[in-house]
Protein backbone atom coordinates (compact mmCIF):
# COMPACT_ATOMS: atom_id res chain seq x y z
CA MET A 1 56.79 -247.89 -43.88
CA ILE A 2 56.17 -246.88 -47.55
CA LYS A 3 54.33 -243.75 -48.01
CA ASN A 4 53.15 -244.61 -51.31
CA VAL A 5 51.13 -247.59 -50.42
CA TYR A 6 47.95 -247.91 -48.04
CA VAL A 7 47.04 -251.67 -47.25
CA ARG A 8 44.00 -252.91 -45.06
CA LYS A 9 41.80 -255.81 -44.39
CA ILE A 10 38.34 -255.13 -45.04
CA SER A 11 36.10 -255.69 -42.16
CA SER A 12 32.23 -256.81 -42.33
CA GLU A 13 31.24 -253.10 -41.81
CA GLU A 14 33.08 -252.03 -44.73
CA ALA A 15 32.13 -255.14 -47.23
CA SER A 16 28.26 -254.67 -46.97
CA PRO A 17 27.99 -251.35 -47.93
CA GLY A 18 30.90 -251.17 -50.13
CA TYR A 19 33.50 -248.92 -48.98
CA ILE A 20 37.27 -248.93 -48.06
CA LEU A 21 38.08 -247.10 -44.53
CA VAL A 22 40.74 -244.74 -44.77
CA LEU A 23 42.47 -244.02 -41.49
CA LYS A 24 42.56 -240.16 -40.17
CA ASN A 25 46.32 -240.69 -39.90
CA LYS A 26 46.82 -242.09 -43.61
CA LEU A 27 44.54 -239.07 -45.08
CA SER A 28 47.85 -237.49 -46.31
CA PHE A 29 48.02 -240.38 -48.74
CA SER A 30 45.18 -239.68 -50.73
CA PRO A 31 44.39 -236.54 -52.70
CA PRO A 32 42.53 -233.94 -50.33
CA ARG A 33 39.06 -234.80 -49.35
CA GLY A 34 36.33 -234.25 -51.69
CA LYS A 35 38.64 -233.81 -54.68
CA HIS A 36 38.44 -236.70 -57.64
CA PHE A 37 41.26 -239.02 -58.31
CA ILE A 38 41.38 -242.30 -60.44
CA LEU A 39 41.34 -245.56 -58.60
CA GLN A 40 42.20 -248.18 -61.08
CA GLN A 41 41.80 -252.08 -60.65
CA ASP A 42 42.81 -254.58 -63.53
CA ASN A 43 43.22 -251.86 -66.19
CA GLN A 44 39.90 -250.42 -65.53
CA GLY A 45 39.92 -246.96 -63.88
CA ARG A 46 37.28 -245.26 -61.80
CA LYS A 47 36.75 -241.81 -60.51
CA VAL A 48 36.61 -241.86 -56.54
CA LYS A 49 37.11 -239.56 -53.87
CA VAL A 50 37.58 -239.66 -49.94
CA GLU A 51 34.44 -238.82 -48.42
CA SER A 52 33.38 -238.61 -44.83
CA TYR A 53 30.44 -239.17 -41.95
CA SER A 54 30.16 -237.91 -38.75
CA CYS A 55 30.25 -240.44 -36.02
CA SER A 56 29.80 -240.81 -32.22
CA CYS A 57 30.96 -244.37 -31.55
CA GLN A 58 33.16 -243.10 -28.69
CA GLY A 59 30.41 -241.48 -27.09
CA PRO A 60 28.50 -238.19 -27.55
CA HIS A 61 31.06 -236.05 -25.89
CA ASN A 62 33.78 -237.19 -28.70
CA PRO A 63 32.43 -236.60 -32.19
CA HIS A 64 34.40 -237.19 -35.15
CA LYS A 65 34.45 -238.21 -38.71
CA HIS A 66 35.27 -241.45 -40.43
CA TYR A 67 36.75 -241.45 -43.93
CA PHE A 68 36.07 -243.68 -46.87
CA ILE A 69 36.26 -244.44 -50.31
CA LYS A 70 33.18 -245.83 -51.96
CA TRP A 71 34.29 -249.44 -53.56
CA LYS A 72 31.51 -252.05 -54.45
CA LYS A 73 32.03 -255.68 -54.46
CA LEU A 74 34.40 -256.22 -51.54
CA GLN A 75 34.33 -259.08 -49.09
CA LYS A 76 35.00 -259.28 -45.16
CA LYS A 77 38.53 -260.41 -44.59
CA GLN A 78 39.99 -259.29 -48.20
CA TRP A 79 43.27 -257.31 -48.12
CA VAL A 80 43.17 -254.25 -50.37
CA GLU A 81 46.50 -252.20 -51.17
CA ILE A 82 46.30 -248.76 -52.73
CA GLU A 83 49.59 -247.50 -54.23
CA LYS A 84 50.04 -244.07 -55.82
CA ASP A 85 50.96 -244.39 -59.46
CA SER A 86 54.32 -242.76 -60.13
CA ASN A 87 53.73 -242.12 -63.33
CA LYS A 88 50.50 -240.53 -63.47
CA HIS A 89 49.50 -237.79 -61.03
CA GLY A 90 45.82 -238.32 -59.30
CA ARG A 91 45.87 -241.94 -59.98
CA CYS A 92 46.16 -244.77 -57.81
CA ASN A 93 46.20 -248.61 -58.30
CA LEU A 94 43.85 -251.12 -56.48
CA LYS A 95 44.85 -254.62 -55.76
CA ILE A 96 42.45 -256.85 -54.04
CA GLN A 97 43.55 -260.16 -52.26
CA ARG A 98 40.55 -262.76 -52.51
């Protein structure tokens, strides 16, 4: 698997509030949590960061965090691809298949 690309199918949980979940095992793909980076789509970039929220979806004895990047105008079942820009440090390119 290519380490410079993160691919995900958007769920209804993500689409409505407008965020892209980042799986825990993929956190090393992005800059450290809380550090801003540029996410660019269609030649327009926006400063974003990986954020988290506490969750108990696996029961009260297994609290954990979910990680995400805020991004509006997502639709359920869209595929998103985030690729590190090899030419610019701190920038990633976003492609959304509609």
